[in-house]
Amino acid sequence: MIADDDPGIVDAVEIILDFEGYEVSSTVNGATVLDMTSEFPDLLLLDIWMSGSDGRDICRELKHRADTKDIPIIMISASRDIELSAFEAGADDFLAKPFEIDDLLGKIKKLL
């Protein structure tokens, strides 16, 4: 699952992951991720700065819930300076925008 408020990034990453054989869902609203009650994704690509939501808060919440704590989360951000705060929030990995597709695919394969 991709959660990013930039439709361009969502579309591009979704196309690439689909091409690589992944089944992809997406949202441009971070709150949608917290509303999940079933059919959880195998991995979440989560933007840190989203309209009305801080991805780190979403990550913390997901990692504290029994039914979502084991979902690998890769946090992404245009700000390289907040990588540490992503890990402190419970992220399993971090990727700075703009990123190379090979880096993204490598991180996904490592966590799945």
N, C-alpha and C. Protein backbone atom coordinates (compact mmCIF):
# COMPACT_ATOMS: atom_id res chain seq x y z
N MET A 1 0.84 -1.18 0.00
CA MET A 1 0.00 0.00 0.00
C MET A 1 0.89 1.24 0.00
N ILE A 2 0.47 2.23 -0.78
CA ILE A 2 1.17 3.52 -0.83
C ILE A 2 0.26 4.56 -0.20
N ALA A 3 0.78 5.33 0.74
CA ALA A 3 0.04 6.44 1.34
C ALA A 3 0.88 7.70 1.18
N ASP A 4 0.50 8.53 0.23
CA ASP A 4 1.23 9.76 -0.07
C ASP A 4 0.24 10.75 -0.65
N ASP A 5 0.34 12.02 -0.23
CA ASP A 5 -0.62 13.01 -0.72
C ASP A 5 -0.22 13.62 -2.06
N ASP A 6 0.85 13.13 -2.65
CA ASP A 6 1.26 13.59 -3.98
C ASP A 6 0.79 12.56 -5.01
N PRO A 7 -0.30 12.87 -5.74
CA PRO A 7 -0.84 11.91 -6.70
C PRO A 7 0.18 11.47 -7.76
N GLY A 8 1.11 12.34 -8.10
CA GLY A 8 2.14 12.00 -9.08
C GLY A 8 3.03 10.88 -8.58
N ILE A 9 3.44 10.96 -7.33
CA ILE A 9 4.28 9.91 -6.75
C ILE A 9 3.48 8.62 -6.61
N VAL A 10 2.24 8.74 -6.14
CA VAL A 10 1.39 7.56 -6.00
C VAL A 10 1.25 6.85 -7.34
N ASP A 11 0.92 7.60 -8.39
CA ASP A 11 0.73 7.01 -9.72
C ASP A 11 2.01 6.35 -10.23
N ALA A 12 3.13 7.06 -10.12
CA ALA A 12 4.39 6.53 -10.64
C ALA A 12 4.81 5.26 -9.91
N VAL A 13 4.76 5.29 -8.59
CA VAL A 13 5.18 4.14 -7.81
C VAL A 13 4.21 2.97 -8.03
N GLU A 14 2.93 3.28 -8.11
CA GLU A 14 1.93 2.23 -8.34
C GLU A 14 2.17 1.53 -9.68
N ILE A 15 2.47 2.28 -10.72
CA ILE A 15 2.74 1.71 -12.04
C ILE A 15 3.97 0.80 -12.00
N ILE A 16 5.02 1.28 -11.35
CA ILE A 16 6.27 0.51 -11.28
C ILE A 16 6.06 -0.78 -10.48
N LEU A 17 5.41 -0.67 -9.33
CA LEU A 17 5.21 -1.86 -8.51
C LEU A 17 4.27 -2.86 -9.19
N ASP A 18 3.27 -2.34 -9.87
CA ASP A 18 2.37 -3.20 -10.62
C ASP A 18 3.14 -3.95 -11.70
N PHE A 19 4.02 -3.24 -12.40
CA PHE A 19 4.86 -3.84 -13.43
C PHE A 19 5.75 -4.94 -12.85
N GLU A 20 6.20 -4.73 -11.61
CA GLU A 20 7.07 -5.70 -10.94
C GLU A 20 6.29 -6.90 -10.38
N GLY A 21 4.96 -6.86 -10.53
CA GLY A 21 4.15 -7.99 -10.10
C GLY A 21 3.49 -7.86 -8.74
N TYR A 22 3.62 -6.69 -8.13
CA TYR A 22 2.98 -6.47 -6.83
C TYR A 22 1.54 -6.03 -7.02
N GLU A 23 0.67 -6.45 -6.11
CA GLU A 23 -0.70 -5.96 -6.08
C GLU A 23 -0.68 -4.72 -5.20
N VAL A 24 -1.07 -3.57 -5.77
CA VAL A 24 -0.88 -2.29 -5.09
C VAL A 24 -2.21 -1.60 -4.84
N SER A 25 -2.36 -1.06 -3.64
CA SER A 25 -3.47 -0.17 -3.33
C SER A 25 -2.84 1.14 -2.89
N SER A 26 -3.62 2.21 -2.92
CA SER A 26 -3.04 3.51 -2.56
C SER A 26 -4.10 4.42 -1.97
N THR A 27 -3.61 5.43 -1.28
CA THR A 27 -4.46 6.48 -0.73
C THR A 27 -3.65 7.77 -0.68
N VAL A 28 -4.34 8.88 -0.84
CA VAL A 28 -3.70 10.19 -0.69
C VAL A 28 -4.06 10.80 0.67
N ASN A 29 -4.76 10.02 1.49
CA ASN A 29 -5.20 10.49 2.80
C ASN A 29 -4.65 9.55 3.87
N GLY A 30 -3.77 10.08 4.70
CA GLY A 30 -3.13 9.26 5.72
C GLY A 30 -4.11 8.66 6.72
N ALA A 31 -5.20 9.35 7.01
CA ALA A 31 -6.18 8.84 7.97
C ALA A 31 -6.80 7.54 7.49
N THR A 32 -6.86 7.34 6.18
CA THR A 32 -7.42 6.12 5.61
C THR A 32 -6.66 4.90 6.11
N VAL A 33 -5.37 5.04 6.29
CA VAL A 33 -4.54 3.92 6.74
C VAL A 33 -4.97 3.46 8.13
N LEU A 34 -5.30 4.42 8.99
CA LEU A 34 -5.70 4.07 10.35
C LEU A 34 -7.10 3.47 10.40
N ASP A 35 -7.88 3.67 9.36
CA ASP A 35 -9.25 3.13 9.30
C ASP A 35 -9.29 1.66 8.88
N MET A 36 -8.16 1.10 8.48
CA MET A 36 -8.14 -0.30 8.04
C MET A 36 -8.49 -1.21 9.20
N THR A 37 -9.38 -2.17 8.94
CA THR A 37 -9.74 -3.14 9.97
C THR A 37 -9.52 -4.57 9.51
N SER A 38 -9.32 -4.74 8.23
CA SER A 38 -9.05 -6.07 7.69
C SER A 38 -8.33 -5.92 6.36
N GLU A 39 -7.90 -7.04 5.81
CA GLU A 39 -7.16 -7.04 4.55
C GLU A 39 -6.01 -6.04 4.57
N PHE A 40 -5.16 -6.22 5.56
CA PHE A 40 -4.02 -5.33 5.74
C PHE A 40 -2.99 -5.56 4.63
N PRO A 41 -2.26 -4.53 4.27
CA PRO A 41 -1.22 -4.70 3.24
C PRO A 41 -0.04 -5.49 3.79
N ASP A 42 0.72 -6.10 2.88
CA ASP A 42 1.94 -6.81 3.28
C ASP A 42 3.05 -5.84 3.64
N LEU A 43 2.95 -4.61 3.11
CA LEU A 43 3.95 -3.58 3.35
C LEU A 43 3.29 -2.23 3.11
N LEU A 44 3.73 -1.21 3.85
CA LEU A 44 3.18 0.14 3.69
C LEU A 44 4.31 1.10 3.35
N LEU A 45 4.14 1.81 2.25
CA LEU A 45 5.04 2.90 1.86
C LEU A 45 4.34 4.18 2.30
N LEU A 46 4.86 4.84 3.33
CA LEU A 46 4.15 5.92 4.02
C LEU A 46 4.93 7.23 3.98
N ASP A 47 4.30 8.25 3.41
CA ASP A 47 4.91 9.58 3.37
C ASP A 47 4.87 10.19 4.77
N ILE A 48 5.92 10.91 5.15
CA ILE A 48 5.95 11.54 6.47
C ILE A 48 5.06 12.78 6.50
N TRP A 49 5.16 13.63 5.49
CA TRP A 49 4.37 14.86 5.48
C TRP A 49 3.19 14.73 4.54
N MET A 50 2.01 14.55 5.10
CA MET A 50 0.80 14.48 4.30
C MET A 50 -0.19 15.53 4.80
N SER A 51 -1.03 16.00 3.91
CA SER A 51 -2.03 17.00 4.28
C SER A 51 -2.86 16.51 5.47
N GLY A 52 -2.79 17.24 6.55
CA GLY A 52 -3.60 16.92 7.72
C GLY A 52 -3.10 15.75 8.55
N SER A 53 -2.02 15.10 8.15
CA SER A 53 -1.51 13.95 8.89
C SER A 53 0.01 13.96 8.92
N ASP A 54 0.54 13.49 10.02
CA ASP A 54 1.98 13.28 10.12
C ASP A 54 2.19 11.77 10.05
N GLY A 55 2.89 11.32 9.04
CA GLY A 55 3.11 9.90 8.84
C GLY A 55 3.75 9.22 10.04
N ARG A 56 4.54 9.97 10.80
CA ARG A 56 5.17 9.38 11.98
C ARG A 56 4.13 9.01 13.03
N ASP A 57 3.08 9.84 13.17
CA ASP A 57 2.00 9.52 14.11
C ASP A 57 1.25 8.28 13.65
N ILE A 58 1.01 8.19 12.34
CA ILE A 58 0.33 7.02 11.78
C ILE A 58 1.18 5.77 12.01
N CYS A 59 2.47 5.88 11.77
CA CYS A 59 3.39 4.76 11.98
C CYS A 59 3.36 4.30 13.44
N ARG A 60 3.47 5.24 14.37
CA ARG A 60 3.44 4.90 15.80
C ARG A 60 2.16 4.14 16.15
N GLU A 61 1.03 4.66 15.66
CA GLU A 61 -0.26 4.03 15.95
C GLU A 61 -0.31 2.61 15.39
N LEU A 62 0.12 2.44 14.15
CA LEU A 62 0.08 1.11 13.53
C LEU A 62 0.99 0.13 14.27
N LYS A 63 2.14 0.60 14.72
CA LYS A 63 3.09 -0.27 15.41
C LYS A 63 2.63 -0.62 16.83
N HIS A 64 1.68 0.14 17.38
CA HIS A 64 1.16 -0.14 18.72
C HIS A 64 -0.07 -1.05 18.68
N ARG A 65 -0.69 -1.21 17.54
CA ARG A 65 -1.87 -2.07 17.41
C ARG A 65 -1.44 -3.51 17.19
N ALA A 66 -2.11 -4.42 17.88
CA ALA A 66 -1.76 -5.83 17.77
C ALA A 66 -1.93 -6.37 16.35
N ASP A 67 -2.95 -5.90 15.64
CA ASP A 67 -3.23 -6.45 14.31
C ASP A 67 -2.42 -5.82 13.18
N THR A 68 -1.70 -4.72 13.46
CA THR A 68 -0.92 -4.07 12.41
C THR A 68 0.56 -3.89 12.76
N LYS A 69 0.95 -4.30 13.96
CA LYS A 69 2.32 -4.02 14.42
C LYS A 69 3.41 -4.69 13.58
N ASP A 70 3.05 -5.78 12.90
CA ASP A 70 4.06 -6.49 12.12
C ASP A 70 4.11 -6.10 10.65
N ILE A 71 3.29 -5.13 10.24
CA ILE A 71 3.34 -4.66 8.85
C ILE A 71 4.62 -3.85 8.67
N PRO A 72 5.50 -4.25 7.74
CA PRO A 72 6.70 -3.45 7.49
C PRO A 72 6.30 -2.07 6.92
N ILE A 73 6.93 -1.03 7.45
CA ILE A 73 6.64 0.33 7.01
C ILE A 73 7.92 0.99 6.52
N ILE A 74 7.89 1.45 5.26
CA ILE A 74 8.97 2.25 4.71
C ILE A 74 8.45 3.68 4.67
N MET A 75 9.08 4.56 5.43
CA MET A 75 8.66 5.96 5.42
C MET A 75 9.46 6.71 4.35
N ILE A 76 8.78 7.62 3.66
CA ILE A 76 9.44 8.42 2.63
C ILE A 76 9.23 9.90 2.94
N SER A 77 10.20 10.70 2.57
CA SER A 77 10.10 12.14 2.79
C SER A 77 11.06 12.89 1.89
N ALA A 78 10.67 14.10 1.54
CA ALA A 78 11.55 14.97 0.77
C ALA A 78 12.63 15.56 1.66
N SER A 79 12.45 15.46 2.96
CA SER A 79 13.42 15.99 3.91
C SER A 79 14.31 14.87 4.43
N ARG A 80 15.58 14.92 4.09
CA ARG A 80 16.53 13.90 4.54
C ARG A 80 16.86 14.06 6.02
N ASP A 81 16.57 15.23 6.58
CA ASP A 81 16.94 15.52 7.96
C ASP A 81 16.07 14.82 8.99
N ILE A 82 14.98 14.20 8.56
CA ILE A 82 14.08 13.60 9.54
C ILE A 82 14.09 12.07 9.51
N GLU A 83 15.13 11.52 8.93
CA GLU A 83 15.25 10.06 8.87
C GLU A 83 15.23 9.45 10.27
N LEU A 84 15.96 10.03 11.20
CA LEU A 84 16.02 9.51 12.56
C LEU A 84 14.64 9.48 13.20
N SER A 85 13.85 10.54 12.99
CA SER A 85 12.52 10.59 13.60
C SER A 85 11.60 9.52 13.00
N ALA A 86 11.84 9.14 11.74
CA ALA A 86 11.05 8.07 11.12
C ALA A 86 11.34 6.74 11.84
N PHE A 87 12.61 6.47 12.11
CA PHE A 87 12.97 5.24 12.81
C PHE A 87 12.47 5.26 14.25
N GLU A 88 12.53 6.44 14.88
CA GLU A 88 12.03 6.56 16.25
C GLU A 88 10.52 6.31 16.32
N ALA A 89 9.81 6.59 15.23
CA ALA A 89 8.37 6.35 15.17
C ALA A 89 8.04 4.88 14.92
N GLY A 90 9.06 4.08 14.62
CA GLY A 90 8.85 2.66 14.42
C GLY A 90 9.00 2.18 12.99
N ALA A 91 9.39 3.08 12.07
CA ALA A 91 9.56 2.68 10.67
C ALA A 91 10.62 1.58 10.55
N ASP A 92 10.39 0.69 9.61
CA ASP A 92 11.35 -0.38 9.35
C ASP A 92 12.45 0.05 8.40
N ASP A 93 12.16 1.10 7.61
CA ASP A 93 13.16 1.64 6.70
C ASP A 93 12.75 3.04 6.31
N PHE A 94 13.65 3.76 5.63
CA PHE A 94 13.41 5.15 5.24
C PHE A 94 13.98 5.35 3.84
N LEU A 95 13.28 6.18 3.07
CA LEU A 95 13.72 6.51 1.72
C LEU A 95 13.49 8.00 1.49
N ALA A 96 14.53 8.72 1.09
CA ALA A 96 14.41 10.15 0.84
C ALA A 96 13.99 10.40 -0.61
N LYS A 97 13.06 11.34 -0.80
CA LYS A 97 12.64 11.76 -2.14
C LYS A 97 13.63 12.80 -2.64
N PRO A 98 13.90 12.85 -3.90
CA PRO A 98 13.53 11.84 -4.90
C PRO A 98 14.39 10.60 -4.70
N PHE A 99 13.84 9.45 -5.03
CA PHE A 99 14.56 8.21 -4.83
C PHE A 99 14.67 7.43 -6.13
N GLU A 100 15.66 6.58 -6.15
CA GLU A 100 15.85 5.69 -7.30
C GLU A 100 14.90 4.51 -7.16
N ILE A 101 14.29 4.12 -8.24
CA ILE A 101 13.35 3.00 -8.21
C ILE A 101 14.03 1.72 -7.73
N ASP A 102 15.28 1.50 -8.14
CA ASP A 102 16.00 0.30 -7.71
C ASP A 102 16.18 0.28 -6.19
N ASP A 103 16.38 1.46 -5.58
CA ASP A 103 16.50 1.53 -4.12
C ASP A 103 15.18 1.14 -3.46
N LEU A 104 14.07 1.66 -4.00
CA LEU A 104 12.76 1.33 -3.48
C LEU A 104 12.49 -0.16 -3.59
N LEU A 105 12.73 -0.72 -4.76
CA LEU A 105 12.48 -2.15 -4.99
C LEU A 105 13.35 -3.02 -4.08
N GLY A 106 14.58 -2.60 -3.87
CA GLY A 106 15.48 -3.34 -2.98
C GLY A 106 14.98 -3.35 -1.55
N LYS A 107 14.50 -2.22 -1.08
CA LYS A 107 13.99 -2.13 0.29
C LYS A 107 12.72 -2.96 0.45
N ILE A 108 11.86 -2.92 -0.56
CA ILE A 108 10.62 -3.72 -0.50
C ILE A 108 10.96 -5.20 -0.46
N LYS A 109 11.86 -5.64 -1.34
CA LYS A 109 12.22 -7.06 -1.36
C LYS A 109 12.85 -7.50 -0.04
N LYS A 110 13.64 -6.63 0.55
CA LYS A 110 14.30 -6.96 1.83
C LYS A 110 13.27 -7.15 2.95
N LEU A 111 12.22 -6.33 2.95
CA LEU A 111 11.23 -6.39 4.03
C LEU A 111 10.14 -7.42 3.81
N LEU A 112 9.95 -7.83 2.57
CA LEU A 112 8.95 -8.87 2.32
C LEU A 112 9.63 -10.20 2.32
